[in-house]
PDB file of N, CA and C in Angstrom:
ATOM      1  N   UNK A   1      13.546 -17.262  -5.974  1.00  0.00           N
ATOM      2  CA  UNK A   1      12.599 -16.212  -5.147  1.00  0.00           C
ATOM      3  C   UNK A   1      11.869 -15.840  -6.333  1.00  0.00           C
ATOM      4  N   UNK A   2      10.661 -15.614  -6.275  1.00  0.00           N
ATOM      5  CA  UNK A   2       9.872 -15.216  -7.151  1.00  0.00           C
ATOM      6  C   UNK A   2       9.349 -13.627  -6.731  1.00  0.00           C
ATOM      7  N   UNK A   3       9.232 -12.980  -7.731  1.00  0.00           N
ATOM      8  CA  UNK A   3       8.825 -11.224  -7.494  1.00  0.00           C
ATOM      9  C   UNK A   3       7.385 -11.232  -7.602  1.00  0.00           C
ATOM     10  N   UNK A   4       7.096 -10.433  -6.909  1.00  0.00           N
ATOM     11  CA  UNK A   4       5.356  -9.936  -6.293  1.00  0.00           C
ATOM     12  C   UNK A   4       5.169  -8.660  -7.162  1.00  0.00           C
ATOM     13  N   UNK A   5       4.483  -8.774  -8.027  1.00  0.00           N
ATOM     14  CA  UNK A   5       4.110  -7.656  -8.558  1.00  0.00           C
ATOM     15  C   UNK A   5       2.468  -7.340  -8.174  1.00  0.00           C
ATOM     16  N   UNK A   6       2.630  -5.739  -7.761  1.00  0.00           N
ATOM     17  CA  UNK A   6       0.978  -5.265  -7.306  1.00  0.00           C
ATOM     18  C   UNK A   6       0.946  -4.100  -8.192  1.00  0.00           C
ATOM     19  N   UNK A   7      -0.301  -3.862  -8.256  1.00  0.00           N
ATOM     20  CA  UNK A   7      -0.604  -2.072  -8.730  1.00  0.00           C
ATOM     21  C   UNK A   7      -1.104  -1.550  -7.639  1.00  0.00           C
ATOM     22  N   UNK A   8      -0.381  -0.307  -7.890  1.00  0.00           N
ATOM     23  CA  UNK A   8      -0.583   0.967  -6.863  1.00  0.00           C
ATOM     24  C   UNK A   8      -1.302   2.031  -7.546  1.00  0.00           C
ATOM     25  N   UNK A   9      -2.441   2.393  -7.550  1.00  0.00           N
ATOM     26  CA  UNK A   9      -2.860   3.772  -7.833  1.00  0.00           C
ATOM     27  C   UNK A   9      -2.865   3.716  -9.429  1.00  0.00           C
ATOM     28  N   UNK A  10      -3.081   2.396 -10.036  1.00  0.00           N
ATOM     29  CA  UNK A  10      -3.001   1.979 -11.544  1.00  0.00           C
ATOM     30  C   UNK A  10      -2.014   1.938 -12.004  1.00  0.00           C
ATOM     31  N   UNK A  11      -0.632   1.411 -11.476  1.00  0.00           N
ATOM     32  CA  UNK A  11       0.593   1.613 -11.821  1.00  0.00           C
ATOM     33  C   UNK A  11       1.381   0.566 -11.426  1.00  0.00           C
ATOM     34  N   UNK A  12       1.828  -0.549 -12.303  1.00  0.00           N
ATOM     35  CA  UNK A  12       2.552  -1.701 -11.676  1.00  0.00           C
ATOM     36  C   UNK A  12       4.006  -1.588 -10.736  1.00  0.00           C
ATOM     37  N   UNK A  13       4.098  -1.843  -9.701  1.00  0.00           N
ATOM     38  CA  UNK A  13       5.244  -2.076  -9.174  1.00  0.00           C
ATOM     39  C   UNK A  13       5.665  -3.557  -8.552  1.00  0.00           C
ATOM     40  N   UNK A  14       7.065  -3.852  -8.579  1.00  0.00           N
ATOM     41  CA  UNK A  14       7.307  -5.068  -8.069  1.00  0.00           C
ATOM     42  C   UNK A  14       8.476  -5.019  -7.023  1.00  0.00           C
ATOM     43  N   UNK A  15       8.250  -6.226  -6.224  1.00  0.00           N
ATOM     44  CA  UNK A  15       8.809  -6.045  -4.987  1.00  0.00           C
ATOM     45  C   UNK A  15       9.674  -7.659  -5.396  1.00  0.00           C
ATOM     46  N   UNK A  16      10.801  -7.666  -4.840  1.00  0.00           N
ATOM     47  CA  UNK A  16      11.620  -9.034  -4.662  1.00  0.00           C
ATOM     48  C   UNK A  16      11.136  -9.626  -3.662  1.00  0.00           C
ATOM     49  N   UNK A  17      10.687  -9.202  -2.754  1.00  0.00           N
ATOM     50  CA  UNK A  17       9.983 -10.093  -1.264  1.00  0.00           C
ATOM     51  C   UNK A  17       9.104  -9.476  -0.676  1.00  0.00           C
ATOM     52  N   UNK A  18       8.418 -10.459   0.392  1.00  0.00           N
ATOM     53  CA  UNK A  18       7.145  -9.900   0.537  1.00  0.00           C
ATOM     54  C   UNK A  18       7.383  -8.561   1.645  1.00  0.00           C
ATOM     55  N   UNK A  19       6.776  -7.601   1.605  1.00  0.00           N
ATOM     56  CA  UNK A  19       6.717  -6.544   2.321  1.00  0.00           C
ATOM     57  C   UNK A  19       5.491  -5.979   2.837  1.00  0.00           C
ATOM     58  N   UNK A  20       5.241  -5.256   4.217  1.00  0.00           N
ATOM     59  CA  UNK A  20       4.021  -4.965   4.556  1.00  0.00           C
ATOM     60  C   UNK A  20       3.344  -3.677   4.231  1.00  0.00           C
ATOM     61  N   UNK A  21       2.231  -3.687   4.456  1.00  0.00           N
ATOM     62  CA  UNK A  21       1.969  -1.958   4.107  1.00  0.00           C
ATOM     63  C   UNK A  21       2.828  -0.829   4.579  1.00  0.00           C
ATOM     64  N   UNK A  22       2.915  -1.353   5.876  1.00  0.00           N
ATOM     65  CA  UNK A  22       3.930  -0.040   6.612  1.00  0.00           C
ATOM     66  C   UNK A  22       5.292   0.260   5.897  1.00  0.00           C
ATOM     67  N   UNK A  23       5.925  -0.899   5.611  1.00  0.00           N
ATOM     68  CA  UNK A  23       6.891  -0.751   4.806  1.00  0.00           C
ATOM     69  C   UNK A  23       6.935  -0.194   3.237  1.00  0.00           C
ATOM     70  N   UNK A  24       5.815  -0.434   2.427  1.00  0.00           N
ATOM     71  CA  UNK A  24       5.658   0.144   1.498  1.00  0.00           C
ATOM     72  C   UNK A  24       5.021   1.734   1.684  1.00  0.00           C
ATOM     73  N   UNK A  25       4.558   2.172   2.492  1.00  0.00           N
ATOM     74  CA  UNK A  25       4.108   3.402   2.953  1.00  0.00           C
ATOM     75  C   UNK A  25       5.668   4.005   3.522  1.00  0.00           C
ATOM     76  N   UNK A  26       6.411   3.570   3.870  1.00  0.00           N
ATOM     77  CA  UNK A  26       7.500   4.543   3.990  1.00  0.00           C
ATOM     78  C   UNK A  26       8.287   4.077   2.600  1.00  0.00           C
ATOM     79  N   UNK A  27       8.089   3.527   1.983  1.00  0.00           N
ATOM     80  CA  UNK A  27       9.297   3.497   0.624  1.00  0.00           C
ATOM     81  C   UNK A  27       8.215   4.693  -0.240  1.00  0.00           C
ATOM     82  N   UNK A  28       7.176   4.949   0.261  1.00  0.00           N
ATOM     83  CA  UNK A  28       6.533   5.994  -0.861  1.00  0.00           C
ATOM     84  C   UNK A  28       6.440   7.381  -0.399  1.00  0.00           C
ATOM     85  N   UNK A  29       7.420   7.197   1.045  1.00  0.00           N
ATOM     86  CA  UNK A  29       7.200   8.453   2.079  1.00  0.00           C
ATOM     87  C   UNK A  29       5.772   9.287   1.969  1.00  0.00           C
ATOM     88  N   UNK A  30       5.161   7.983   2.468  1.00  0.00           N
ATOM     89  CA  UNK A  30       3.666   8.561   3.075  1.00  0.00           C
ATOM     90  C   UNK A  30       3.755   8.017   4.555  1.00  0.00           C
ATOM     91  N   UNK A  31       4.538   7.789   5.161  1.00  0.00           N
ATOM     92  CA  UNK A  31       4.496   7.207   6.563  1.00  0.00           C
ATOM     93  C   UNK A  31       4.215   8.640   7.282  1.00  0.00           C
ATOM     94  N   UNK A  32       3.086   8.422   8.471  1.00  0.00           N
ATOM     95  CA  UNK A  32       2.667   9.592   9.213  1.00  0.00           C
ATOM     96  C   UNK A  32       1.503  10.367   8.761  1.00  0.00           C
ATOM     97  N   UNK A  33       1.459  10.429   7.084  1.00  0.00           N
ATOM     98  CA  UNK A  33       0.283  11.129   6.658  1.00  0.00           C
ATOM     99  C   UNK A  33      -0.846  10.337   6.530  1.00  0.00           C
ATOM    100  N   UNK A  34      -1.834  11.301   6.478  1.00  0.00           N
ATOM    101  CA  UNK A  34      -3.203  10.910   6.423  1.00  0.00           C
ATOM    102  C   UNK A  34      -4.118  10.580   4.919  1.00  0.00           C
ATOM    103  N   UNK A  35      -3.906   9.158   5.414  1.00  0.00           N
ATOM    104  CA  UNK A  35      -4.601   8.193   3.788  1.00  0.00           C
ATOM    105  C   UNK A  35      -5.443   7.502   3.982  1.00  0.00           C
ATOM    106  N   UNK A  36      -5.817   6.907   2.990  1.00  0.00           N
ATOM    107  CA  UNK A  36      -6.974   6.123   3.005  1.00  0.00           C
ATOM    108  C   UNK A  36      -6.315   4.778   2.348  1.00  0.00           C
ATOM    109  N   UNK A  37      -6.423   3.488   2.736  1.00  0.00           N
ATOM    110  CA  UNK A  37      -5.694   2.728   1.575  1.00  0.00           C
ATOM    111  C   UNK A  37      -6.857   1.243   1.419  1.00  0.00           C
ATOM    112  N   UNK A  38      -7.184   1.500   0.139  1.00  0.00           N
ATOM    113  CA  UNK A  38      -8.256   0.067   0.005  1.00  0.00           C
ATOM    114  C   UNK A  38      -7.233  -0.808  -1.081  1.00  0.00           C
ATOM    115  N   UNK A  39      -7.178  -2.207  -0.515  1.00  0.00           N
ATOM    116  CA  UNK A  39      -6.403  -3.620  -1.145  1.00  0.00           C
ATOM    117  C   UNK A  39      -7.645  -4.560  -1.515  1.00  0.00           C
ATOM    118  N   UNK A  40      -7.621  -4.585  -2.739  1.00  0.00           N
ATOM    119  CA  UNK A  40      -8.589  -5.367  -3.809  1.00  0.00           C
ATOM    120  C   UNK A  40      -9.780  -5.024  -3.391  1.00  0.00           C
ATOM    121  N   UNK A  41     -10.038  -3.781  -3.132  1.00  0.00           N
ATOM    122  CA  UNK A  41     -11.761  -3.301  -3.072  1.00  0.00           C
ATOM    123  C   UNK A  41     -12.334  -3.201  -1.638  1.00  0.00           C
ATOM    124  N   UNK A  42     -10.998  -3.311  -0.729  1.00  0.00           N
ATOM    125  CA  UNK A  42     -11.429  -3.008   0.766  1.00  0.00           C
ATOM    126  C   UNK A  42     -10.753  -2.335   1.401  1.00  0.00           C
ATOM    127  N   UNK A  43     -11.178  -1.691   2.396  1.00  0.00           N
ATOM    128  CA  UNK A  43     -10.628  -0.293   2.793  1.00  0.00           C
ATOM    129  C   UNK A  43     -10.009  -1.259   3.773  1.00  0.00           C
ATOM    130  N   UNK A  44      -8.651  -1.183   4.305  1.00  0.00           N
ATOM    131  CA  UNK A  44      -7.761  -1.540   5.302  1.00  0.00           C
ATOM    132  C   UNK A  44      -7.583  -0.594   6.415  1.00  0.00           C
ATOM    133  N   UNK A  45      -7.940  -1.162   7.523  1.00  0.00           N
ATOM    134  CA  UNK A  45      -7.663  -0.203   8.695  1.00  0.00           C
ATOM    135  C   UNK A  45      -6.432   0.196   8.996  1.00  0.00           C
ATOM    136  N   UNK A  46      -5.781   1.240   9.552  1.00  0.00           N
ATOM    137  CA  UNK A  46      -4.444   1.567   9.739  1.00  0.00           C
ATOM    138  C   UNK A  46      -4.195   0.684  10.983  1.00  0.00           C
ATOM    139  N   UNK A  47      -4.825   0.241  11.972  1.00  0.00           N
ATOM    140  CA  UNK A  47      -4.070  -0.661  12.296  1.00  0.00           C
ATOM    141  C   UNK A  47      -3.850  -2.040  12.366  1.00  0.00           C
ATOM    142  N   UNK A  48      -3.975  -2.358  10.913  1.00  0.00           N
ATOM    143  CA  UNK A  48      -3.506  -3.942  10.183  1.00  0.00           C
ATOM    144  C   UNK A  48      -2.426  -3.390   9.109  1.00  0.00           C
ATOM    145  N   UNK A  49      -1.949  -2.070   8.769  1.00  0.00           N
ATOM    146  CA  UNK A  49      -1.043  -2.070   8.242  1.00  0.00           C
ATOM    147  C   UNK A  49       0.250  -2.608   8.123  1.00  0.00           C
ATOM    148  N   UNK A  50       0.867  -2.887   9.642  1.00  0.00           N
ATOM    149  CA  UNK A  50       2.143  -3.674   9.717  1.00  0.00           C
ATOM    150  C   UNK A  50       1.466  -5.127   9.966  1.00  0.00           C
ATOM    151  N   UNK A  51       0.177  -5.518   9.785  1.00  0.00           N
ATOM    152  CA  UNK A  51       0.226  -6.913   9.723  1.00  0.00           C
ATOM    153  C   UNK A  51       0.143  -7.827   8.480  1.00  0.00           C
ATOM    154  N   UNK A  52      -0.298  -6.567   7.519  1.00  0.00           N
ATOM    155  CA  UNK A  52      -0.753  -7.369   5.874  1.00  0.00           C
ATOM    156  C   UNK A  52       0.517  -7.336   5.147  1.00  0.00           C
ATOM    157  N   UNK A  53       0.772  -8.416   4.921  1.00  0.00           N
ATOM    158  CA  UNK A  53       1.921  -8.418   3.774  1.00  0.00           C
ATOM    159  C   UNK A  53       1.083  -8.376   2.278  1.00  0.00           C
ATOM    160  N   UNK A  54       1.976  -7.633   1.600  1.00  0.00           N
ATOM    161  CA  UNK A  54       1.601  -7.634  -0.304  1.00  0.00           C
ATOM    162  C   UNK A  54       1.701  -8.686  -0.588  1.00  0.00           C
ATOM    163  N   UNK A  55       0.750  -9.220  -1.428  1.00  0.00           N
ATOM    164  CA  UNK A  55       0.751 -10.308  -2.028  1.00  0.00           C
ATOM    165  C   UNK A  55       0.788 -10.329  -3.865  1.00  0.00           C
ATOM    166  N   UNK A  56       1.295 -11.211  -4.501  1.00  0.00           N
ATOM    167  CA  UNK A  56       1.296 -10.929  -5.896  1.00  0.00           C
ATOM    168  C   UNK A  56      -0.074 -11.075  -6.593  1.00  0.00           C
ATOM    169  N   UNK A  57      -0.268  -9.980  -7.134  1.00  0.00           N
ATOM    170  CA  UNK A  57      -1.593  -9.744  -7.853  1.00  0.00           C
ATOM    171  C   UNK A  57      -2.207  -8.556  -6.944  1.00  0.00           C
ATOM    172  N   UNK A  58      -1.942  -8.308  -6.115  1.00  0.00           N
ATOM    173  CA  UNK A  58      -2.534  -7.254  -5.270  1.00  0.00           C
ATOM    174  C   UNK A  58      -2.931  -6.111  -5.940  1.00  0.00           C
ATOM    175  N   UNK A  59      -4.113  -5.365  -5.621  1.00  0.00           N
ATOM    176  CA  UNK A  59      -4.436  -3.961  -6.022  1.00  0.00           C
ATOM    177  C   UNK A  59      -4.886  -3.248  -5.191  1.00  0.00           C
ATOM    178  N   UNK A  60      -3.841  -1.720  -5.135  1.00  0.00           N
ATOM    179  CA  UNK A  60      -3.825  -1.113  -4.277  1.00  0.00           C
ATOM    180  C   UNK A  60      -4.203   0.357  -4.859  1.00  0.00           C
ATOM    181  N   UNK A  61      -5.176   0.948  -3.997  1.00  0.00           N
ATOM    182  CA  UNK A  61      -5.596   2.450  -4.038  1.00  0.00           C
ATOM    183  C   UNK A  61      -5.296   3.432  -2.986  1.00  0.00           C
ATOM    184  N   UNK A  62      -4.313   4.423  -3.152  1.00  0.00           N
ATOM    185  CA  UNK A  62      -3.853   4.939  -1.907  1.00  0.00           C
ATOM    186  C   UNK A  62      -4.167   6.485  -2.083  1.00  0.00           C
ATOM    187  N   UNK A  63      -4.992   7.017  -1.141  1.00  0.00           N
ATOM    188  CA  UNK A  63      -5.620   8.241  -1.332  1.00  0.00           C
ATOM    189  C   UNK A  63      -4.815   8.939  -0.387  1.00  0.00           C
ATOM    190  N   UNK A  64      -4.403  10.018  -0.332  1.00  0.00           N
ATOM    191  CA  UNK A  64      -3.669  10.922   0.819  1.00  0.00           C
ATOM    192  C   UNK A  64      -4.493  12.185   0.544  1.00  0.00           C
ATOM    193  N   UNK A  65      -4.965  12.573   1.843  1.00  0.00           N
ATOM    194  CA  UNK A  65      -5.929  13.648   2.460  1.00  0.00           C
ATOM    195  C   UNK A  65      -4.961  14.818   2.181  1.00  0.00           C
ATOM    196  N   UNK A  66      -5.668  15.741   1.901  1.00  0.00           N
ATOM    197  CA  UNK A  66      -5.109  17.073   1.522  1.00  0.00           C
ATOM    198  C   UNK A  66      -5.773  18.129   2.461  1.00  0.00           C
ATOM    199  N   UNK A  67      -5.469  18.779   3.416  1.00  0.00           N
ATOM    200  CA  UNK A  67      -5.963  19.722   4.128  1.00  0.00           C
ATOM    201  C   UNK A  67      -5.886  21.260   3.468  1.00  0.00           C
ATOM    202  N   UNK A  68      -6.822  21.914   3.842  1.00  0.00           N
ATOM    203  CA  UNK A  68      -6.687  23.500   3.119  1.00  0.00           C
ATOM    204  C   UNK A  68      -8.128  23.828   3.532  1.00  0.00           C
ATOM    205  N   UNK A  69      -8.174  25.218   2.547  1.00  0.00           N
ATOM    206  CA  UNK A  69      -9.227  26.137   2.847  1.00  0.00           C
ATOM    207  C   UNK A  69     -10.126  26.921   1.376  1.00  0.00           C
TER     208      UNK A  69
END
């Protein structure tokens, strides 16, 4: 079994098995929050989060929308 290494917001994270973006967001306690997610330079539509598996070398940027005034 090989480790999957990804960069998330500039920080290295490693996983011992492939996970979906939905699972990643659950682990980061971001499930249900308003976010924008970019994977390897491309915006990922929310409807595809459960279909995309992280791959070794992926670079993710996750931005959480903050409300207020």
